[in-house]
PDB file of N, CA and C in Angstrom:
ATOM      1  N   MET A   1       0.427  10.939   6.848  1.00  0.00           N
ATOM      2  CA  MET A   1       0.804   9.627   6.354  1.00  0.00           C
ATOM      3  C   MET A   1       1.772   8.936   7.302  1.00  0.00           C
ATOM      4  N   GLU A   2       2.660   9.709   7.912  1.00  0.00           N
ATOM      5  CA  GLU A   2       3.631   9.117   8.833  1.00  0.00           C
ATOM      6  C   GLU A   2       2.948   8.493  10.040  1.00  0.00           C
ATOM      7  N   ILE A   3       1.893   9.128  10.551  1.00  0.00           N
ATOM      8  CA  ILE A   3       1.200   8.585  11.724  1.00  0.00           C
ATOM      9  C   ILE A   3       0.583   7.236  11.392  1.00  0.00           C
ATOM     10  N   LEU A   4       0.024   7.096  10.200  1.00  0.00           N
ATOM     11  CA  LEU A   4      -0.533   5.803   9.784  1.00  0.00           C
ATOM     12  C   LEU A   4       0.572   4.749   9.712  1.00  0.00           C
ATOM     13  N   TRP A   5       1.735   5.137   9.198  1.00  0.00           N
ATOM     14  CA  TRP A   5       2.872   4.218   9.141  1.00  0.00           C
ATOM     15  C   TRP A   5       3.286   3.791  10.545  1.00  0.00           C
ATOM     16  N   TYR A   6       3.318   4.737  11.506  1.00  0.00           N
ATOM     17  CA  TYR A   6       3.685   4.400  12.879  1.00  0.00           C
ATOM     18  C   TYR A   6       2.694   3.412  13.490  1.00  0.00           C
ATOM     19  N   LEU A   7       1.417   3.574  13.189  1.00  0.00           N
ATOM     20  CA  LEU A   7       0.418   2.648  13.727  1.00  0.00           C
ATOM     21  C   LEU A   7       0.567   1.257  13.135  1.00  0.00           C
ATOM     22  N   VAL A   8       0.793   1.185  11.842  1.00  0.00           N
ATOM     23  CA  VAL A   8       0.964  -0.117  11.189  1.00  0.00           C
ATOM     24  C   VAL A   8       2.260  -0.772  11.659  1.00  0.00           C
ATOM     25  N   ALA A   9       3.337  -0.009  11.653  1.00  0.00           N
ATOM     26  CA  ALA A   9       4.620  -0.546  12.108  1.00  0.00           C
ATOM     27  C   ALA A   9       4.583  -0.849  13.600  1.00  0.00           C
ATOM     28  N   GLY A  10       3.753  -0.114  14.345  1.00  0.00           N
ATOM     29  CA  GLY A  10       3.645  -0.326  15.787  1.00  0.00           C
ATOM     30  C   GLY A  10       3.190  -1.727  16.146  1.00  0.00           C
ATOM     31  N   ALA A  11       2.348  -2.315  15.322  1.00  0.00           N
ATOM     32  CA  ALA A  11       1.907  -3.692  15.571  1.00  0.00           C
ATOM     33  C   ALA A  11       3.106  -4.637  15.538  1.00  0.00           C
ATOM     34  N   PHE A  12       3.917  -4.509  14.519  1.00  0.00           N
ATOM     35  CA  PHE A  12       5.097  -5.363  14.408  1.00  0.00           C
ATOM     36  C   PHE A  12       6.124  -5.029  15.489  1.00  0.00           C
ATOM     37  N   ILE A  13       6.341  -3.758  15.724  1.00  0.00           N
ATOM     38  CA  ILE A  13       7.317  -3.322  16.720  1.00  0.00           C
ATOM     39  C   ILE A  13       6.897  -3.768  18.117  1.00  0.00           C
ATOM     40  N   GLY A  14       5.621  -3.658  18.438  1.00  0.00           N
ATOM     41  CA  GLY A  14       5.132  -4.091  19.746  1.00  0.00           C
ATOM     42  C   GLY A  14       5.338  -5.579  19.974  1.00  0.00           C
ATOM     43  N   VAL A  15       5.037  -6.378  18.964  1.00  0.00           N
ATOM     44  CA  VAL A  15       5.240  -7.828  19.072  1.00  0.00           C
ATOM     45  C   VAL A  15       6.729  -8.156  19.202  1.00  0.00           C
ATOM     46  N   LEU A  16       7.560  -7.493  18.413  1.00  0.00           N
ATOM     47  CA  LEU A  16       8.996  -7.714  18.497  1.00  0.00           C
ATOM     48  C   LEU A  16       9.537  -7.307  19.862  1.00  0.00           C
ATOM     49  N   ALA A  17       9.092  -6.169  20.380  1.00  0.00           N
ATOM     50  CA  ALA A  17       9.525  -5.726  21.707  1.00  0.00           C
ATOM     51  C   ALA A  17       9.067  -6.710  22.777  1.00  0.00           C
ATOM     52  N   ARG A  18       7.876  -7.257  22.618  1.00  0.00           N
ATOM     53  CA  ARG A  18       7.339  -8.230  23.576  1.00  0.00           C
ATOM     54  C   ARG A  18       8.170  -9.513  23.556  1.00  0.00           C
ATOM     55  N   LEU A  19       8.653  -9.911  22.392  1.00  0.00           N
ATOM     56  CA  LEU A  19       9.498 -11.101  22.296  1.00  0.00           C
ATOM     57  C   LEU A  19      10.857 -10.871  22.943  1.00  0.00           C
ATOM     58  N   ILE A  20      11.376  -9.654  22.828  1.00  0.00           N
ATOM     59  CA  ILE A  20      12.662  -9.330  23.421  1.00  0.00           C
ATOM     60  C   ILE A  20      12.537  -9.180  24.932  1.00  0.00           C
ATOM     61  N   LEU A  21      11.407  -8.648  25.392  1.00  0.00           N
ATOM     62  CA  LEU A  21      11.180  -8.396  26.812  1.00  0.00           C
ATOM     63  C   LEU A  21       9.963  -9.183  27.281  1.00  0.00           C
ATOM     64  N   PRO A  22      10.099 -10.504  27.410  1.00  0.00           N
ATOM     65  CA  PRO A  22       8.945 -11.300  27.833  1.00  0.00           C
ATOM     66  C   PRO A  22       8.641 -11.071  29.312  1.00  0.00           C
ATOM     67  N   GLY A  23       7.442 -11.394  29.707  1.00  0.00           N
ATOM     68  CA  GLY A  23       7.051 -11.238  31.097  1.00  0.00           C
ATOM     69  C   GLY A  23       5.808 -12.041  31.392  1.00  0.00           C
ATOM     70  N   LYS A  24       5.409 -12.021  32.656  1.00  0.00           N
ATOM     71  CA  LYS A  24       4.249 -12.797  33.073  1.00  0.00           C
ATOM     72  C   LYS A  24       2.968 -11.974  33.125  1.00  0.00           C
ATOM     73  N   GLU A  25       3.045 -10.694  32.778  1.00  0.00           N
ATOM     74  CA  GLU A  25       1.853  -9.867  32.847  1.00  0.00           C
ATOM     75  C   GLU A  25       0.845 -10.274  31.790  1.00  0.00           C
ATOM     76  N   ASN A  26      -0.383  -9.943  32.030  1.00  0.00           N
ATOM     77  CA  ASN A  26      -1.466 -10.285  31.116  1.00  0.00           C
ATOM     78  C   ASN A  26      -1.735  -9.115  30.176  1.00  0.00           C
ATOM     79  N   MET A  27      -0.779  -8.808  29.324  1.00  0.00           N
ATOM     80  CA  MET A  27      -0.935  -7.720  28.373  1.00  0.00           C
ATOM     81  C   MET A  27      -1.522  -8.298  27.094  1.00  0.00           C
ATOM     82  N   GLY A  28      -2.644  -7.776  26.688  1.00  0.00           N
ATOM     83  CA  GLY A  28      -3.298  -8.270  25.493  1.00  0.00           C
ATOM     84  C   GLY A  28      -2.653  -7.759  24.216  1.00  0.00           C
ATOM     85  N   CYS A  29      -3.155  -8.270  23.116  1.00  0.00           N
ATOM     86  CA  CYS A  29      -2.632  -7.880  21.807  1.00  0.00           C
ATOM     87  C   CYS A  29      -2.859  -6.402  21.523  1.00  0.00           C
ATOM     88  N   ILE A  30      -4.007  -5.880  21.909  1.00  0.00           N
ATOM     89  CA  ILE A  30      -4.310  -4.480  21.640  1.00  0.00           C
ATOM     90  C   ILE A  30      -3.342  -3.570  22.386  1.00  0.00           C
ATOM     91  N   MET A  31      -3.079  -3.855  23.651  1.00  0.00           N
ATOM     92  CA  MET A  31      -2.150  -3.032  24.427  1.00  0.00           C
ATOM     93  C   MET A  31      -0.738  -3.154  23.869  1.00  0.00           C
ATOM     94  N   THR A  32      -0.355  -4.339  23.433  1.00  0.00           N
ATOM     95  CA  THR A  32       0.962  -4.524  22.826  1.00  0.00           C
ATOM     96  C   THR A  32       1.103  -3.671  21.568  1.00  0.00           C
ATOM     97  N   VAL A  33       0.076  -3.669  20.736  1.00  0.00           N
ATOM     98  CA  VAL A  33       0.102  -2.862  19.511  1.00  0.00           C
ATOM     99  C   VAL A  33       0.116  -1.373  19.858  1.00  0.00           C
ATOM    100  N   LEU A  34      -0.694  -0.967  20.815  1.00  0.00           N
ATOM    101  CA  LEU A  34      -0.736   0.450  21.191  1.00  0.00           C
ATOM    102  C   LEU A  34       0.603   0.933  21.746  1.00  0.00           C
ATOM    103  N   LEU A  35       1.207   0.136  22.615  1.00  0.00           N
ATOM    104  CA  LEU A  35       2.499   0.532  23.171  1.00  0.00           C
ATOM    105  C   LEU A  35       3.595   0.502  22.111  1.00  0.00           C
ATOM    106  N   GLY A  36       3.515  -0.449  21.196  1.00  0.00           N
ATOM    107  CA  GLY A  36       4.471  -0.484  20.083  1.00  0.00           C
ATOM    108  C   GLY A  36       4.310   0.723  19.176  1.00  0.00           C
ATOM    109  N   ALA A  37       3.065   1.093  18.894  1.00  0.00           N
ATOM    110  CA  ALA A  37       2.811   2.281  18.069  1.00  0.00           C
ATOM    111  C   ALA A  37       3.276   3.540  18.778  1.00  0.00           C
ATOM    112  N   LEU A  38       3.063   3.611  20.076  1.00  0.00           N
ATOM    113  CA  LEU A  38       3.545   4.759  20.841  1.00  0.00           C
ATOM    114  C   LEU A  38       5.065   4.841  20.799  1.00  0.00           C
ATOM    115  N   GLY A  39       5.721   3.697  20.938  1.00  0.00           N
ATOM    116  CA  GLY A  39       7.175   3.669  20.839  1.00  0.00           C
ATOM    117  C   GLY A  39       7.658   4.110  19.468  1.00  0.00           C
ATOM    118  N   ALA A  40       6.985   3.656  18.432  1.00  0.00           N
ATOM    119  CA  ALA A  40       7.362   4.050  17.074  1.00  0.00           C
ATOM    120  C   ALA A  40       7.136   5.535  16.848  1.00  0.00           C
ATOM    121  N   LEU A  41       6.013   6.044  17.322  1.00  0.00           N
ATOM    122  CA  LEU A  41       5.709   7.461  17.160  1.00  0.00           C
ATOM    123  C   LEU A  41       6.712   8.332  17.912  1.00  0.00           C
ATOM    124  N   LEU A  42       6.982   7.988  19.161  1.00  0.00           N
ATOM    125  CA  LEU A  42       7.944   8.771  19.951  1.00  0.00           C
ATOM    126  C   LEU A  42       9.345   8.693  19.368  1.00  0.00           C
ATOM    127  N   ALA A  43       9.766   7.499  18.973  1.00  0.00           N
ATOM    128  CA  ALA A  43      11.108   7.342  18.402  1.00  0.00           C
ATOM    129  C   ALA A  43      11.236   8.101  17.094  1.00  0.00           C
ATOM    130  N   GLY A  44      10.222   8.010  16.249  1.00  0.00           N
ATOM    131  CA  GLY A  44      10.258   8.722  14.974  1.00  0.00           C
ATOM    132  C   GLY A  44      10.279  10.225  15.155  1.00  0.00           C
ATOM    133  N   SER A  45       9.432  10.705  16.041  1.00  0.00           N
ATOM    134  CA  SER A  45       9.384  12.140  16.296  1.00  0.00           C
ATOM    135  C   SER A  45      10.682  12.638  16.917  1.00  0.00           C
ATOM    136  N   PHE A  46      11.174  11.907  17.896  1.00  0.00           N
ATOM    137  CA  PHE A  46      12.411  12.297  18.578  1.00  0.00           C
ATOM    138  C   PHE A  46      13.598  12.249  17.624  1.00  0.00           C
ATOM    139  N   GLY A  47      13.712  11.183  16.859  1.00  0.00           N
ATOM    140  CA  GLY A  47      14.830  11.026  15.929  1.00  0.00           C
ATOM    141  C   GLY A  47      14.848  12.087  14.846  1.00  0.00           C
ATOM    142  N   GLN A  48      13.691  12.423  14.324  1.00  0.00           N
ATOM    143  CA  GLN A  48      13.624  13.470  13.309  1.00  0.00           C
ATOM    144  C   GLN A  48      13.861  14.846  13.920  1.00  0.00           C
ATOM    145  N   TRP A  49      13.396  15.055  15.144  1.00  0.00           N
ATOM    146  CA  TRP A  49      13.556  16.340  15.808  1.00  0.00           C
ATOM    147  C   TRP A  49      15.023  16.673  16.044  1.00  0.00           C
ATOM    148  N   ILE A  50      15.814  15.660  16.442  1.00  0.00           N
ATOM    149  CA  ILE A  50      17.230  15.929  16.685  1.00  0.00           C
ATOM    150  C   ILE A  50      18.092  15.677  15.456  1.00  0.00           C
ATOM    151  N   GLY A  51      17.463  15.239  14.353  1.00  0.00           N
ATOM    152  CA  GLY A  51      18.178  15.094  13.095  1.00  0.00           C
ATOM    153  C   GLY A  51      18.990  13.825  12.947  1.00  0.00           C
ATOM    154  N   TRP A  52      18.636  12.759  13.683  1.00  0.00           N
ATOM    155  CA  TRP A  52      19.373  11.498  13.579  1.00  0.00           C
ATOM    156  C   TRP A  52      19.096  10.797  12.266  1.00  0.00           C
ATOM    157  N   TYR A  53      17.871  10.832  11.819  1.00  0.00           N
ATOM    158  CA  TYR A  53      17.502  10.099  10.618  1.00  0.00           C
ATOM    159  C   TYR A  53      16.282  10.721   9.968  1.00  0.00           C
ATOM    160  N   VAL A  54      16.045  10.317   8.751  1.00  0.00           N
ATOM    161  CA  VAL A  54      14.889  10.765   7.984  1.00  0.00           C
ATOM    162  C   VAL A  54      13.935   9.585   7.875  1.00  0.00           C
ATOM    163  N   PHE A  55      12.649   9.846   7.965  1.00  0.00           N
ATOM    164  CA  PHE A  55      11.622   8.804   7.905  1.00  0.00           C
ATOM    165  C   PHE A  55      11.572   8.196   6.521  1.00  0.00           C
ATOM    166  N   PRO A  56      11.404   6.919   6.353  1.00  0.00           N
ATOM    167  CA  PRO A  56      11.709   5.815   7.258  1.00  0.00           C
ATOM    168  C   PRO A  56      13.155   5.377   7.084  1.00  0.00           C
ATOM    169  N   SER A  57      13.688   4.735   8.065  1.00  0.00           N
ATOM    170  CA  SER A  57      15.063   4.245   7.990  1.00  0.00           C
ATOM    171  C   SER A  57      15.222   3.052   8.922  1.00  0.00           C
ATOM    172  N   TRP A  58      16.261   2.262   8.707  1.00  0.00           N
ATOM    173  CA  TRP A  58      16.490   1.095   9.566  1.00  0.00           C
ATOM    174  C   TRP A  58      16.918   1.554  10.953  1.00  0.00           C
ATOM    175  N   ILE A  59      17.620   2.679  11.059  1.00  0.00           N
ATOM    176  CA  ILE A  59      17.996   3.199  12.381  1.00  0.00           C
ATOM    177  C   ILE A  59      16.733   3.588  13.140  1.00  0.00           C
ATOM    178  N   GLY A  60      15.794   4.195  12.447  1.00  0.00           N
ATOM    179  CA  GLY A  60      14.530   4.551  13.073  1.00  0.00           C
ATOM    180  C   GLY A  60      13.771   3.338  13.566  1.00  0.00           C
ATOM    181  N   PHE A  61      13.825   2.253  12.819  1.00  0.00           N
ATOM    182  CA  PHE A  61      13.157   1.024  13.239  1.00  0.00           C
ATOM    183  C   PHE A  61      13.776   0.474  14.522  1.00  0.00           C
ATOM    184  N   VAL A  62      15.097   0.444  14.576  1.00  0.00           N
ATOM    185  CA  VAL A  62      15.792  -0.055  15.767  1.00  0.00           C
ATOM    186  C   VAL A  62      15.479   0.832  16.967  1.00  0.00           C
ATOM    187  N   VAL A  63      15.521   2.136  16.774  1.00  0.00           N
ATOM    188  CA  VAL A  63      15.216   3.063  17.867  1.00  0.00           C
ATOM    189  C   VAL A  63      13.765   2.898  18.311  1.00  0.00           C
ATOM    190  N   ALA A  64      12.857   2.674  17.383  1.00  0.00           N
ATOM    191  CA  ALA A  64      11.448   2.462  17.727  1.00  0.00           C
ATOM    192  C   ALA A  64      11.274   1.204  18.570  1.00  0.00           C
ATOM    193  N   VAL A  65      11.988   0.140  18.237  1.00  0.00           N
ATOM    194  CA  VAL A  65      11.910  -1.087  19.040  1.00  0.00           C
ATOM    195  C   VAL A  65      12.439  -0.824  20.447  1.00  0.00           C
ATOM    196  N   VAL A  66      13.531  -0.096  20.557  1.00  0.00           N
ATOM    197  CA  VAL A  66      14.092   0.228  21.879  1.00  0.00           C
ATOM    198  C   VAL A  66      13.098   1.080  22.678  1.00  0.00           C
ATOM    199  N   PHE A  67      12.509   2.085  22.048  1.00  0.00           N
ATOM    200  CA  PHE A  67      11.511   2.905  22.729  1.00  0.00           C
ATOM    201  C   PHE A  67      10.326   2.052  23.177  1.00  0.00           C
ATOM    202  N   ALA A  68       9.877   1.134  22.325  1.00  0.00           N
ATOM    203  CA  ALA A  68       8.748   0.268  22.676  1.00  0.00           C
ATOM    204  C   ALA A  68       9.107  -0.636  23.848  1.00  0.00           C
ATOM    205  N   ILE A  69      10.328  -1.152  23.884  1.00  0.00           N
ATOM    206  CA  ILE A  69      10.764  -1.982  25.010  1.00  0.00           C
ATOM    207  C   ILE A  69      10.728  -1.174  26.297  1.00  0.00           C
ATOM    208  N   VAL A  70      11.227   0.044  26.242  1.00  0.00           N
ATOM    209  CA  VAL A  70      11.229   0.906  27.430  1.00  0.00           C
ATOM    210  C   VAL A  70       9.804   1.216  27.871  1.00  0.00           C
ATOM    211  N   ILE A  71       8.931   1.534  26.929  1.00  0.00           N
ATOM    212  CA  ILE A  71       7.538   1.842  27.271  1.00  0.00           C
ATOM    213  C   ILE A  71       6.835   0.624  27.855  1.00  0.00           C
ATOM    214  N   ILE A  72       7.061  -0.552  27.284  1.00  0.00           N
ATOM    215  CA  ILE A  72       6.452  -1.778  27.818  1.00  0.00           C
ATOM    216  C   ILE A  72       6.993  -2.073  29.218  1.00  0.00           C
ATOM    217  N   ALA A  73       8.280  -1.873  29.446  1.00  0.00           N
ATOM    218  CA  ALA A  73       8.862  -2.093  30.768  1.00  0.00           C
ATOM    219  C   ALA A  73       8.272  -1.121  31.789  1.00  0.00           C
ATOM    220  N   ILE A  74       8.103   0.129  31.402  1.00  0.00           N
ATOM    221  CA  ILE A  74       7.498   1.113  32.307  1.00  0.00           C
ATOM    222  C   ILE A  74       6.046   0.746  32.595  1.00  0.00           C
ATOM    223  N   TYR A  75       5.308   0.351  31.559  1.00  0.00           N
ATOM    224  CA  TYR A  75       3.920  -0.073  31.738  1.00  0.00           C
ATOM    225  C   TYR A  75       3.837  -1.268  32.689  1.00  0.00           C
ATOM    226  N   ASP A  76       4.715  -2.234  32.500  1.00  0.00           N
ATOM    227  CA  ASP A  76       4.744  -3.414  33.354  1.00  0.00           C
ATOM    228  C   ASP A  76       5.057  -3.019  34.793  1.00  0.00           C
ATOM    229  N   TRP A  77       6.016  -2.130  34.986  1.00  0.00           N
ATOM    230  CA  TRP A  77       6.397  -1.678  36.324  1.00  0.00           C
ATOM    231  C   TRP A  77       5.238  -0.940  36.991  1.00  0.00           C
ATOM    232  N   LEU A  78       4.568  -0.063  36.251  1.00  0.00           N
ATOM    233  CA  LEU A  78       3.443   0.667  36.813  1.00  0.00           C
ATOM    234  C   LEU A  78       2.272  -0.258  37.134  1.00  0.00           C
ATOM    235  N   LYS A  79       2.069  -1.262  36.317  1.00  0.00           N
ATOM    236  CA  LYS A  79       0.968  -2.191  36.536  1.00  0.00           C
ATOM    237  C   LYS A  79       1.197  -3.039  37.787  1.00  0.00           C
ATOM    238  N   ARG A  80       2.454  -3.370  38.061  1.00  0.00           N
ATOM    239  CA  ARG A  80       2.760  -4.177  39.252  1.00  0.00           C
ATOM    240  C   ARG A  80       2.648  -3.379  40.542  1.00  0.00           C
ATOM    241  N   ARG A  81       2.737  -2.072  40.478  1.00  0.00           N
ATOM    242  CA  ARG A  81       2.707  -1.244  41.685  1.00  0.00           C
ATOM    243  C   ARG A  81       1.343  -1.106  42.217  1.00  0.00           C
TER     244      ARG A  81
END
């Protein structure tokens, strides 16, 4: 059930991360959602693994957005190379 939540929340998180970290790359909606979902999944797994928070929480949401921003920035950097 948590993975489904990460995918659904990933759409919102990806769009929010894209608004915070705008750029000129041609990243489509699907890639934005996928990277947002990946950020949410990694943040949720990492946060629960080290015991920072329990699923779901507002801290987890903030951490997921930060992870998504980092993943989008890395994707953008790799795409430009």
